[in-house]
Amino acid sequence: MSKVFPLEIKDFYSLKELSTFIDEQIRWYEFLLKEYSQRLGSLLREQGTGQNEEELLKKLREKGFNPQEKKRKKGKSGKAEEITSRNWFTFRNLMLSAVKESMAEIYFEAVEKINNNLEQLKEVKALIEELMKAGLGSDLIYSAYIVDGIPKKIVIQQRRNRELEEGRYRFEISLSTGVEAAEPPEEAAISEEAVATS
């Protein structure tokens, strides 16, 4: 299973190859979604806060880490919703927390992001299938600009004559059948005796 790179530009020599790449990305995201959903479920089943959390929060405050201020965010309904972030502390551009709910929060965010990416990948896959039906030809190269495993832009180029002649892959092999003759065992024994007597 391939992993998703944050950003890449990749050449594909057919729409089928691009479609296969998208299928791999979908499988990767589905694997992550299943794993993170299971972890999130386990976290939500656990109850209570530990004494260690309170001690860690106290240490963060004592060390001068600033609690993050409340932010207002527009919800799906269009109304402004207040998000309390009392469990998060900022350290320059990094956010820190020592509370179990914060762990659940980051899993919720990850699951939401993965679902979003899966939806986008499935849309792109449908578009690629439409392009395959249109029959663009086999003498093209599809250079895809890929962000988080999702093709965002594709540049279609005509293959150069050399690429068409050679094809995509080239196999070279060099074999040698020459073998150095080894000394027969009798001659090796005689030469060892000669060395020993001298």
N, C-alpha and C. Protein backbone atom coordinates (compact mmCIF):
# COMPACT_ATOMS: atom_id res chain seq x y z
N MET A 1 0.85 -1.17 0.00
CA MET A 1 0.00 0.00 0.00
C MET A 1 0.90 1.24 0.00
N SER A 2 0.64 2.16 -0.89
CA SER A 2 1.47 3.35 -0.98
C SER A 2 1.02 4.38 0.05
N LYS A 3 1.96 5.21 0.43
CA LYS A 3 1.63 6.29 1.36
C LYS A 3 1.39 7.57 0.56
N VAL A 4 0.69 8.47 1.16
CA VAL A 4 0.33 9.72 0.50
C VAL A 4 1.41 10.76 0.78
N PHE A 5 1.91 11.40 -0.27
CA PHE A 5 2.86 12.48 -0.13
C PHE A 5 2.10 13.80 -0.06
N PRO A 6 2.60 14.77 0.72
CA PRO A 6 1.88 16.04 0.82
C PRO A 6 1.78 16.78 -0.52
N LEU A 7 2.84 16.66 -1.34
CA LEU A 7 2.86 17.38 -2.61
C LEU A 7 3.78 16.65 -3.57
N GLU A 8 3.31 16.42 -4.78
CA GLU A 8 4.17 15.82 -5.80
C GLU A 8 3.63 16.13 -7.19
N ILE A 9 4.53 16.05 -8.16
CA ILE A 9 4.16 16.15 -9.56
C ILE A 9 4.60 14.83 -10.18
N LYS A 10 3.66 14.14 -10.78
CA LYS A 10 3.92 12.78 -11.24
C LYS A 10 3.40 12.60 -12.66
N ASP A 11 4.20 11.90 -13.49
CA ASP A 11 3.79 11.61 -14.86
C ASP A 11 3.10 10.26 -14.94
N PHE A 12 2.03 10.22 -15.70
CA PHE A 12 1.29 8.98 -15.95
C PHE A 12 1.24 8.80 -17.47
N TYR A 13 1.42 7.57 -17.92
CA TYR A 13 1.48 7.31 -19.34
C TYR A 13 0.16 6.81 -19.91
N SER A 14 -0.85 6.76 -19.06
CA SER A 14 -2.20 6.45 -19.53
C SER A 14 -3.19 6.87 -18.45
N LEU A 15 -4.44 7.05 -18.86
CA LEU A 15 -5.47 7.38 -17.88
C LEU A 15 -5.74 6.19 -16.97
N LYS A 16 -5.53 4.99 -17.47
CA LYS A 16 -5.71 3.79 -16.65
C LYS A 16 -4.68 3.79 -15.51
N GLU A 17 -3.45 4.17 -15.82
CA GLU A 17 -2.41 4.25 -14.80
C GLU A 17 -2.77 5.30 -13.75
N LEU A 18 -3.29 6.43 -14.19
CA LEU A 18 -3.73 7.48 -13.27
C LEU A 18 -4.89 6.99 -12.41
N SER A 19 -5.81 6.27 -13.02
CA SER A 19 -6.95 5.72 -12.28
C SER A 19 -6.49 4.71 -11.23
N THR A 20 -5.51 3.89 -11.56
CA THR A 20 -4.94 2.93 -10.61
C THR A 20 -4.29 3.67 -9.44
N PHE A 21 -3.58 4.75 -9.74
CA PHE A 21 -2.96 5.57 -8.69
C PHE A 21 -4.03 6.11 -7.74
N ILE A 22 -5.13 6.60 -8.29
CA ILE A 22 -6.21 7.14 -7.47
C ILE A 22 -6.81 6.04 -6.60
N ASP A 23 -6.98 4.84 -7.17
CA ASP A 23 -7.48 3.71 -6.37
C ASP A 23 -6.58 3.41 -5.18
N GLU A 24 -5.25 3.48 -5.39
CA GLU A 24 -4.30 3.26 -4.30
C GLU A 24 -4.46 4.31 -3.21
N GLN A 25 -4.65 5.56 -3.62
CA GLN A 25 -4.82 6.64 -2.64
C GLN A 25 -6.12 6.44 -1.86
N ILE A 26 -7.16 6.02 -2.54
CA ILE A 26 -8.45 5.76 -1.87
C ILE A 26 -8.28 4.65 -0.84
N ARG A 27 -7.59 3.57 -1.24
CA ARG A 27 -7.37 2.47 -0.28
C ARG A 27 -6.57 2.94 0.92
N TRP A 28 -5.55 3.78 0.70
CA TRP A 28 -4.73 4.30 1.80
C TRP A 28 -5.58 5.13 2.77
N TYR A 29 -6.38 6.03 2.23
CA TYR A 29 -7.23 6.87 3.08
C TYR A 29 -8.29 6.03 3.81
N GLU A 30 -8.84 5.02 3.15
CA GLU A 30 -9.82 4.15 3.81
C GLU A 30 -9.18 3.37 4.96
N PHE A 31 -7.92 2.95 4.77
CA PHE A 31 -7.18 2.27 5.83
C PHE A 31 -7.00 3.20 7.03
N LEU A 32 -6.56 4.44 6.76
CA LEU A 32 -6.38 5.42 7.84
C LEU A 32 -7.70 5.73 8.54
N LEU A 33 -8.76 5.88 7.76
CA LEU A 33 -10.07 6.19 8.33
C LEU A 33 -10.51 5.09 9.29
N LYS A 34 -10.35 3.85 8.88
CA LYS A 34 -10.74 2.73 9.74
C LYS A 34 -9.91 2.72 11.02
N GLU A 35 -8.60 2.89 10.89
CA GLU A 35 -7.71 2.87 12.05
C GLU A 35 -8.02 4.02 13.02
N TYR A 36 -8.16 5.23 12.49
CA TYR A 36 -8.42 6.39 13.36
C TYR A 36 -9.80 6.32 13.99
N SER A 37 -10.77 5.80 13.26
CA SER A 37 -12.12 5.66 13.82
C SER A 37 -12.12 4.68 14.98
N GLN A 38 -11.36 3.59 14.85
CA GLN A 38 -11.26 2.63 15.95
C GLN A 38 -10.60 3.25 17.17
N ARG A 39 -9.53 4.00 16.95
CA ARG A 39 -8.84 4.66 18.07
C ARG A 39 -9.76 5.68 18.74
N LEU A 40 -10.49 6.42 17.93
CA LEU A 40 -11.41 7.42 18.46
C LEU A 40 -12.49 6.74 19.30
N GLY A 41 -13.03 5.64 18.80
CA GLY A 41 -14.04 4.89 19.55
C GLY A 41 -13.51 4.42 20.90
N SER A 42 -12.28 3.94 20.91
CA SER A 42 -11.66 3.50 22.17
C SER A 42 -11.51 4.67 23.14
N LEU A 43 -11.08 5.81 22.63
CA LEU A 43 -10.92 6.99 23.48
C LEU A 43 -12.25 7.43 24.08
N LEU A 44 -13.30 7.40 23.28
CA LEU A 44 -14.61 7.85 23.75
C LEU A 44 -15.21 6.89 24.78
N ARG A 45 -14.84 5.61 24.70
CA ARG A 45 -15.35 4.64 25.68
C ARG A 45 -14.66 4.78 27.04
N GLU A 46 -13.42 5.28 27.03
CA GLU A 46 -12.72 5.48 28.30
C GLU A 46 -13.35 6.66 29.03
N GLN A 47 -13.47 6.54 30.34
CA GLN A 47 -14.14 7.58 31.13
C GLN A 47 -13.16 8.34 32.01
N GLY A 48 -13.53 9.56 32.35
CA GLY A 48 -12.83 10.33 33.39
C GLY A 48 -11.52 10.94 32.95
N THR A 49 -11.04 11.84 33.80
CA THR A 49 -9.74 12.47 33.59
C THR A 49 -8.82 11.99 34.68
N GLY A 50 -7.59 11.87 34.36
CA GLY A 50 -6.61 11.38 35.33
C GLY A 50 -5.96 12.51 36.09
N GLN A 51 -5.35 12.14 37.21
CA GLN A 51 -4.64 13.13 38.02
C GLN A 51 -3.43 13.64 37.24
N ASN A 52 -2.85 12.78 36.40
CA ASN A 52 -1.69 13.18 35.61
C ASN A 52 -2.02 14.35 34.68
N GLU A 53 -3.24 14.37 34.15
CA GLU A 53 -3.65 15.46 33.27
C GLU A 53 -3.62 16.79 34.01
N GLU A 54 -4.17 16.81 35.23
CA GLU A 54 -4.18 18.04 36.02
C GLU A 54 -2.77 18.51 36.33
N GLU A 55 -1.89 17.57 36.65
CA GLU A 55 -0.50 17.92 36.95
C GLU A 55 0.19 18.48 35.72
N LEU A 56 -0.03 17.86 34.56
CA LEU A 56 0.58 18.35 33.33
C LEU A 56 0.05 19.73 32.95
N LEU A 57 -1.25 19.94 33.11
CA LEU A 57 -1.83 21.26 32.83
C LEU A 57 -1.23 22.32 33.74
N LYS A 58 -1.06 21.97 35.01
CA LYS A 58 -0.47 22.89 35.97
C LYS A 58 0.97 23.23 35.57
N LYS A 59 1.73 22.21 35.14
CA LYS A 59 3.11 22.45 34.70
C LYS A 59 3.15 23.37 33.49
N LEU A 60 2.24 23.16 32.55
CA LEU A 60 2.21 24.01 31.36
C LEU A 60 1.95 25.47 31.75
N ARG A 61 1.02 25.68 32.69
CA ARG A 61 0.73 27.05 33.14
C ARG A 61 1.93 27.65 33.87
N GLU A 62 2.58 26.84 34.71
CA GLU A 62 3.74 27.32 35.47
C GLU A 62 4.91 27.68 34.56
N LYS A 63 5.06 26.95 33.46
CA LYS A 63 6.17 27.21 32.52
C LYS A 63 5.89 28.42 31.63
N GLY A 64 4.74 29.02 31.81
CA GLY A 64 4.43 30.23 31.06
C GLY A 64 3.78 30.01 29.71
N PHE A 65 3.32 28.81 29.44
CA PHE A 65 2.60 28.58 28.18
C PHE A 65 1.24 29.26 28.29
N ASN A 66 0.86 29.93 27.22
CA ASN A 66 -0.38 30.70 27.22
C ASN A 66 -1.55 29.83 26.80
N PRO A 67 -2.64 29.86 27.60
CA PRO A 67 -3.84 29.15 27.15
C PRO A 67 -4.35 29.82 25.87
N GLN A 68 -4.83 29.02 24.94
CA GLN A 68 -5.31 29.59 23.68
C GLN A 68 -6.61 30.33 23.93
N GLU A 69 -6.74 31.46 23.25
CA GLU A 69 -7.95 32.25 23.40
C GLU A 69 -9.10 31.59 22.66
N LYS A 70 -10.31 31.94 23.09
CA LYS A 70 -11.51 31.41 22.43
C LYS A 70 -11.61 32.01 21.04
N LYS A 71 -12.04 31.19 20.12
CA LYS A 71 -12.21 31.66 18.74
C LYS A 71 -13.67 31.52 18.34
N ARG A 72 -14.08 32.35 17.42
CA ARG A 72 -15.43 32.25 16.89
C ARG A 72 -15.31 31.70 15.47
N LYS A 73 -16.12 30.71 15.20
CA LYS A 73 -16.07 30.06 13.89
C LYS A 73 -17.48 29.94 13.35
N LYS A 74 -17.62 30.16 12.05
CA LYS A 74 -18.94 29.99 11.44
C LYS A 74 -19.22 28.51 11.27
N GLY A 75 -20.37 28.10 11.74
CA GLY A 75 -20.77 26.70 11.63
C GLY A 75 -21.39 26.42 10.28
N LYS A 76 -21.82 25.19 10.08
CA LYS A 76 -22.43 24.80 8.80
C LYS A 76 -23.74 25.53 8.56
N SER A 77 -24.41 25.91 9.66
CA SER A 77 -25.69 26.61 9.52
C SER A 77 -25.49 28.09 9.20
N GLY A 78 -24.24 28.56 9.25
CA GLY A 78 -23.96 29.97 8.96
C GLY A 78 -23.90 30.82 10.21
N LYS A 79 -24.34 30.28 11.35
CA LYS A 79 -24.28 31.02 12.60
C LYS A 79 -22.89 30.90 13.20
N ALA A 80 -22.49 31.92 13.93
CA ALA A 80 -21.18 31.89 14.58
C ALA A 80 -21.24 30.99 15.81
N GLU A 81 -20.31 30.06 15.88
CA GLU A 81 -20.24 29.15 17.02
C GLU A 81 -18.96 29.46 17.79
N GLU A 82 -19.04 29.37 19.11
CA GLU A 82 -17.86 29.62 19.92
C GLU A 82 -17.17 28.30 20.22
N ILE A 83 -15.89 28.28 19.97
CA ILE A 83 -15.11 27.08 20.24
C ILE A 83 -14.24 27.36 21.45
N THR A 84 -14.44 26.59 22.50
CA THR A 84 -13.60 26.78 23.68
C THR A 84 -12.35 25.94 23.52
N SER A 85 -11.22 26.56 23.76
CA SER A 85 -9.93 25.89 23.64
C SER A 85 -9.16 25.99 24.94
N ARG A 86 -9.85 25.86 26.06
CA ARG A 86 -9.19 26.03 27.35
C ARG A 86 -8.14 24.95 27.61
N ASN A 87 -8.21 23.84 26.89
CA ASN A 87 -7.27 22.75 27.10
C ASN A 87 -6.01 22.87 26.25
N TRP A 88 -5.98 23.85 25.38
CA TRP A 88 -4.84 24.01 24.48
C TRP A 88 -3.99 25.20 24.89
N PHE A 89 -2.68 25.02 24.78
CA PHE A 89 -1.72 26.08 25.06
C PHE A 89 -0.89 26.30 23.81
N THR A 90 -0.50 27.56 23.59
CA THR A 90 0.29 27.85 22.41
C THR A 90 1.76 28.00 22.78
N PHE A 91 2.59 27.49 21.92
CA PHE A 91 4.04 27.68 22.01
C PHE A 91 4.48 28.05 20.61
N ARG A 92 4.61 29.34 20.39
CA ARG A 92 4.85 29.91 19.06
C ARG A 92 3.74 29.46 18.12
N ASN A 93 4.05 28.65 17.11
CA ASN A 93 3.02 28.20 16.17
C ASN A 93 2.52 26.80 16.47
N LEU A 94 2.89 26.26 17.62
CA LEU A 94 2.53 24.89 17.98
C LEU A 94 1.53 24.91 19.12
N MET A 95 0.56 24.01 19.06
CA MET A 95 -0.43 23.92 20.14
C MET A 95 -0.15 22.67 20.96
N LEU A 96 -0.22 22.81 22.29
CA LEU A 96 0.04 21.71 23.22
C LEU A 96 -1.17 21.50 24.11
N SER A 97 -1.39 20.25 24.50
CA SER A 97 -2.45 19.93 25.45
C SER A 97 -2.07 18.68 26.21
N ALA A 98 -2.66 18.53 27.40
CA ALA A 98 -2.41 17.35 28.23
C ALA A 98 -3.72 16.70 28.65
N VAL A 99 -4.78 16.95 27.90
CA VAL A 99 -6.10 16.49 28.27
C VAL A 99 -6.59 15.44 27.27
N LYS A 100 -7.23 14.40 27.79
CA LYS A 100 -7.72 13.29 26.97
C LYS A 100 -8.70 13.77 25.90
N GLU A 101 -9.54 14.75 26.25
CA GLU A 101 -10.50 15.26 25.26
C GLU A 101 -9.78 15.86 24.05
N SER A 102 -8.59 16.40 24.28
CA SER A 102 -7.82 16.97 23.17
C SER A 102 -7.38 15.89 22.20
N MET A 103 -7.07 14.71 22.73
CA MET A 103 -6.70 13.59 21.87
C MET A 103 -7.89 13.20 20.99
N ALA A 104 -9.07 13.14 21.58
CA ALA A 104 -10.28 12.84 20.81
C ALA A 104 -10.52 13.94 19.77
N GLU A 105 -10.25 15.18 20.15
CA GLU A 105 -10.44 16.31 19.23
C GLU A 105 -9.57 16.16 17.98
N ILE A 106 -8.29 15.78 18.17
CA ILE A 106 -7.43 15.67 16.98
C ILE A 106 -7.83 14.47 16.12
N TYR A 107 -8.35 13.40 16.75
CA TYR A 107 -8.84 12.28 15.94
C TYR A 107 -10.09 12.68 15.16
N PHE A 108 -10.99 13.47 15.79
CA PHE A 108 -12.17 13.97 15.07
C PHE A 108 -11.73 14.80 13.86
N GLU A 109 -10.76 15.70 14.07
CA GLU A 109 -10.27 16.54 12.97
C GLU A 109 -9.67 15.69 11.85
N ALA A 110 -8.88 14.67 12.24
CA ALA A 110 -8.25 13.81 11.24
C ALA A 110 -9.30 13.04 10.44
N VAL A 111 -10.30 12.49 11.13
CA VAL A 111 -11.36 11.73 10.46
C VAL A 111 -12.12 12.63 9.49
N GLU A 112 -12.40 13.86 9.92
CA GLU A 112 -13.10 14.81 9.05
C GLU A 112 -12.27 15.12 7.80
N LYS A 113 -10.97 15.35 7.98
CA LYS A 113 -10.07 15.65 6.86
C LYS A 113 -9.98 14.45 5.90
N ILE A 114 -9.88 13.24 6.46
CA ILE A 114 -9.79 12.03 5.63
C ILE A 114 -11.08 11.85 4.83
N ASN A 115 -12.23 12.03 5.47
CA ASN A 115 -13.51 11.91 4.75
C ASN A 115 -13.59 12.92 3.61
N ASN A 116 -13.12 14.13 3.87
CA ASN A 116 -13.08 15.18 2.86
C ASN A 116 -12.22 14.76 1.66
N ASN A 117 -11.01 14.24 1.97
CA ASN A 117 -10.09 13.82 0.91
C ASN A 117 -10.65 12.63 0.13
N LEU A 118 -11.29 11.70 0.82
CA LEU A 118 -11.90 10.55 0.14
C LEU A 118 -12.98 11.01 -0.84
N GLU A 119 -13.78 11.96 -0.42
CA GLU A 119 -14.84 12.49 -1.28
C GLU A 119 -14.23 13.12 -2.54
N GLN A 120 -13.17 13.91 -2.36
CA GLN A 120 -12.51 14.55 -3.50
C GLN A 120 -11.90 13.52 -4.44
N LEU A 121 -11.26 12.48 -3.86
CA LEU A 121 -10.65 11.44 -4.69
C LEU A 121 -11.69 10.71 -5.52
N LYS A 122 -12.83 10.43 -4.93
CA LYS A 122 -13.89 9.72 -5.65
C LYS A 122 -14.45 10.58 -6.78
N GLU A 123 -14.52 11.89 -6.56
CA GLU A 123 -14.97 12.80 -7.62
C GLU A 123 -13.97 12.81 -8.77
N VAL A 124 -12.67 12.88 -8.44
CA VAL A 124 -11.63 12.89 -9.47
C VAL A 124 -11.64 11.57 -10.24
N LYS A 125 -11.83 10.47 -9.52
CA LYS A 125 -11.88 9.14 -10.17
C LYS A 125 -13.02 9.10 -11.20
N ALA A 126 -14.17 9.64 -10.83
CA ALA A 126 -15.31 9.67 -11.76
C ALA A 126 -14.98 10.51 -13.00
N LEU A 127 -14.28 11.63 -12.79
CA LEU A 127 -13.89 12.48 -13.92
C LEU A 127 -12.89 11.77 -14.83
N ILE A 128 -11.95 11.05 -14.23
CA ILE A 128 -10.96 10.31 -15.02
C ILE A 128 -11.65 9.23 -15.85
N GLU A 129 -12.64 8.57 -15.26
CA GLU A 129 -13.39 7.55 -16.00
C GLU A 129 -14.12 8.16 -17.19
N GLU A 130 -14.64 9.38 -17.02
CA GLU A 130 -15.28 10.08 -18.14
C GLU A 130 -14.27 10.39 -19.24
N LEU A 131 -13.06 10.81 -18.83
CA LEU A 131 -12.01 11.09 -19.81
C LEU A 131 -11.61 9.81 -20.55
N MET A 132 -11.59 8.68 -19.84
CA MET A 132 -11.25 7.40 -20.48
C MET A 132 -12.28 7.06 -21.55
N LYS A 133 -13.55 7.34 -21.26
CA LYS A 133 -14.62 7.06 -22.23
C LYS A 133 -14.49 7.96 -23.45
N ALA A 134 -13.96 9.17 -23.25
CA ALA A 134 -13.79 10.11 -24.37
C ALA A 134 -12.69 9.63 -25.32
N GLY A 135 -11.77 8.78 -24.84
CA GLY A 135 -10.72 8.21 -25.70
C GLY A 135 -9.74 9.24 -26.20
N LEU A 136 -8.93 9.76 -25.32
CA LEU A 136 -7.96 10.79 -25.70
C LEU A 136 -6.78 10.24 -26.49
N GLY A 137 -6.52 8.95 -26.45
CA GLY A 137 -5.40 8.39 -27.20
C GLY A 137 -4.32 7.87 -26.28
N SER A 138 -3.45 7.05 -26.87
CA SER A 138 -2.41 6.40 -26.07
C SER A 138 -1.06 7.08 -26.21
N ASP A 139 -0.97 8.12 -27.01
CA ASP A 139 0.32 8.78 -27.22
C ASP A 139 0.45 10.06 -26.38
N LEU A 140 -0.16 10.04 -25.19
CA LEU A 140 -0.16 11.22 -24.33
C LEU A 140 0.50 10.93 -22.99
N ILE A 141 1.02 11.98 -22.39
CA ILE A 141 1.55 11.91 -21.02
C ILE A 141 0.67 12.83 -20.18
N TYR A 142 0.27 12.34 -19.02
CA TYR A 142 -0.56 13.11 -18.10
C TYR A 142 0.30 13.47 -16.89
N SER A 143 0.70 14.74 -16.80
CA SER A 143 1.50 15.21 -15.67
C SER A 143 0.55 15.80 -14.65
N ALA A 144 0.46 15.14 -13.49
CA ALA A 144 -0.51 15.54 -12.48
C ALA A 144 0.16 16.26 -11.32
N TYR A 145 -0.44 17.36 -10.93
CA TYR A 145 -0.04 18.10 -9.73
C TYR A 145 -0.92 17.54 -8.61
N ILE A 146 -0.28 16.87 -7.64
CA ILE A 146 -1.01 16.10 -6.63
C ILE A 146 -0.75 16.69 -5.25
N VAL A 147 -1.83 17.02 -4.54
CA VAL A 147 -1.75 17.55 -3.18
C VAL A 147 -2.48 16.58 -2.25
N ASP A 148 -1.78 16.08 -1.24
CA ASP A 148 -2.35 15.11 -0.29
C ASP A 148 -2.93 13.89 -0.99
N GLY A 149 -2.29 13.46 -2.08
CA GLY A 149 -2.74 12.28 -2.81
C GLY A 149 -3.88 12.54 -3.77
N ILE A 150 -4.30 13.79 -3.90
CA ILE A 150 -5.45 14.13 -4.76
C ILE A 150 -4.96 14.93 -5.96
N PRO A 151 -5.15 14.41 -7.19
CA PRO A 151 -4.79 15.19 -8.37
C PRO A 151 -5.62 16.48 -8.43
N LYS A 152 -4.93 17.61 -8.46
CA LYS A 152 -5.62 18.91 -8.51
C LYS A 152 -5.61 19.48 -9.93
N LYS A 153 -4.50 19.27 -10.65
CA LYS A 153 -4.37 19.78 -12.02
C LYS A 153 -3.63 18.72 -12.84
N ILE A 154 -4.01 18.61 -14.11
CA ILE A 154 -3.36 17.65 -15.00
C ILE A 154 -2.98 18.37 -16.29
N VAL A 155 -1.72 18.25 -16.66
CA VAL A 155 -1.24 18.80 -17.93
C VAL A 155 -1.10 17.64 -18.89
N ILE A 156 -1.76 17.75 -20.04
CA ILE A 156 -1.71 16.70 -21.05
C ILE A 156 -0.70 17.11 -22.11
N GLN A 157 0.26 16.22 -22.38
CA GLN A 157 1.31 16.50 -23.35
C GLN A 157 1.42 15.35 -24.34
N GLN A 158 1.80 15.70 -25.55
CA GLN A 158 2.06 14.69 -26.57
C GLN A 158 3.40 14.04 -26.24
N ARG A 159 3.46 12.71 -26.34
CA ARG A 159 4.74 12.03 -26.13
C ARG A 159 5.68 12.36 -27.27
N ARG A 160 6.97 12.48 -26.94
CA ARG A 160 7.97 12.71 -27.98
C ARG A 160 8.19 11.41 -28.74
N ASN A 161 8.71 11.51 -29.98
CA ASN A 161 8.93 10.32 -30.82
C ASN A 161 9.78 9.28 -30.12
N ARG A 162 10.83 9.72 -29.42
CA ARG A 162 11.74 8.80 -28.74
C ARG A 162 10.99 8.00 -27.68
N GLU A 163 10.12 8.68 -26.94
CA GLU A 163 9.36 8.00 -25.89
C GLU A 163 8.40 6.99 -26.49
N LEU A 164 7.83 7.32 -27.66
CA LEU A 164 6.91 6.39 -28.31
C LEU A 164 7.64 5.14 -28.78
N GLU A 165 8.86 5.34 -29.35
CA GLU A 165 9.62 4.20 -29.86
C GLU A 165 10.09 3.29 -28.73
N GLU A 166 10.63 3.90 -27.70
CA GLU A 166 11.20 3.11 -26.61
C GLU A 166 10.14 2.56 -25.68
N GLY A 167 8.99 3.18 -25.64
CA GLY A 167 7.98 2.77 -24.67
C GLY A 167 8.36 3.33 -23.31
N ARG A 168 7.62 2.97 -22.33
CA ARG A 168 7.86 3.53 -21.01
C ARG A 168 9.01 2.85 -20.30
N TYR A 169 9.14 1.56 -20.47
CA TYR A 169 10.16 0.81 -19.74
C TYR A 169 11.24 0.32 -20.70
N ARG A 170 12.42 0.23 -20.20
CA ARG A 170 13.52 -0.31 -20.98
C ARG A 170 14.23 -1.33 -20.12
N PHE A 171 14.48 -2.49 -20.67
CA PHE A 171 15.11 -3.57 -19.92
C PHE A 171 16.47 -3.84 -20.52
N GLU A 172 17.50 -3.76 -19.70
CA GLU A 172 18.85 -4.07 -20.16
C GLU A 172 19.41 -5.14 -19.26
N ILE A 173 20.16 -6.07 -19.89
CA ILE A 173 20.78 -7.12 -19.10
C ILE A 173 22.13 -7.44 -19.72
N SER A 174 23.08 -7.73 -18.90
CA SER A 174 24.40 -8.11 -19.37
C SER A 174 24.76 -9.42 -18.68
N LEU A 175 24.94 -10.46 -19.48
CA LEU A 175 25.27 -11.77 -18.93
C LEU A 175 26.68 -12.16 -19.36
N SER A 176 27.33 -12.87 -18.51
CA SER A 176 28.66 -13.36 -18.83
C SER A 176 28.66 -14.87 -18.60
N THR A 177 29.13 -15.60 -19.61
CA THR A 177 29.18 -17.06 -19.45
C THR A 177 30.59 -17.54 -19.21
N GLY A 178 31.55 -16.64 -19.25
CA GLY A 178 32.95 -17.02 -19.02
C GLY A 178 33.19 -17.36 -17.56
N VAL A 179 33.88 -18.49 -17.33
CA VAL A 179 34.18 -18.92 -15.97
C VAL A 179 35.68 -19.15 -15.89
N GLU A 180 36.30 -18.65 -14.86
CA GLU A 180 37.72 -18.91 -14.67
C GLU A 180 37.89 -20.36 -14.26
N ALA A 181 38.87 -21.01 -14.87
CA ALA A 181 39.10 -22.42 -14.54
C ALA A 181 39.77 -22.52 -13.19
N ALA A 182 39.22 -23.34 -12.35
CA ALA A 182 39.81 -23.57 -11.03
C ALA A 182 40.86 -24.66 -11.15
N GLU A 183 41.86 -24.59 -10.27
CA GLU A 183 42.90 -25.62 -10.28
C GLU A 183 42.30 -26.95 -9.86
N PRO A 184 42.69 -28.04 -10.54
CA PRO A 184 42.23 -29.35 -10.08
C PRO A 184 42.76 -29.60 -8.67
N PRO A 185 42.06 -30.38 -7.85
CA PRO A 185 42.46 -30.60 -6.47
C PRO A 185 43.86 -31.16 -6.31
N GLU A 186 44.32 -32.03 -7.26
CA GLU A 186 45.67 -32.60 -7.12
C GLU A 186 46.73 -31.53 -7.25
N GLU A 187 46.58 -30.62 -8.22
CA GLU A 187 47.56 -29.57 -8.43
C GLU A 187 47.60 -28.62 -7.25
N ALA A 188 46.44 -28.34 -6.64
CA ALA A 188 46.39 -27.46 -5.48
C ALA A 188 47.13 -28.09 -4.32
N ALA A 189 47.00 -29.42 -4.13
CA ALA A 189 47.68 -30.12 -3.04
C ALA A 189 49.18 -30.11 -3.26
N ILE A 190 49.65 -30.30 -4.51
CA ILE A 190 51.08 -30.31 -4.82
C ILE A 190 51.66 -28.94 -4.56
N SER A 191 50.97 -27.85 -4.97
CA SER A 191 51.50 -26.51 -4.76
C SER A 191 51.53 -26.16 -3.28
N GLU A 192 50.62 -26.68 -2.47
CA GLU A 192 50.64 -26.45 -1.02
C GLU A 192 51.84 -27.15 -0.39
N GLU A 193 52.18 -28.39 -0.85
CA GLU A 193 53.34 -29.12 -0.33
C GLU A 193 54.62 -28.38 -0.69
N ALA A 194 54.69 -27.83 -1.89
CA ALA A 194 55.89 -27.11 -2.33
C ALA A 194 56.10 -25.88 -1.47
N VAL A 195 55.05 -25.21 -1.11
CA VAL A 195 55.16 -24.02 -0.26
C VAL A 195 55.60 -24.43 1.14
N ALA A 196 55.08 -25.55 1.65
CA ALA A 196 55.39 -26.01 3.00
C ALA A 196 56.84 -26.46 3.12
N THR A 197 57.44 -27.07 2.08
CA THR A 197 58.81 -27.56 2.15
C THR A 197 59.83 -26.48 1.92
N SER A 198 59.46 -25.36 1.35
CA SER A 198 60.46 -24.33 1.09
C SER A 198 60.66 -23.40 2.23
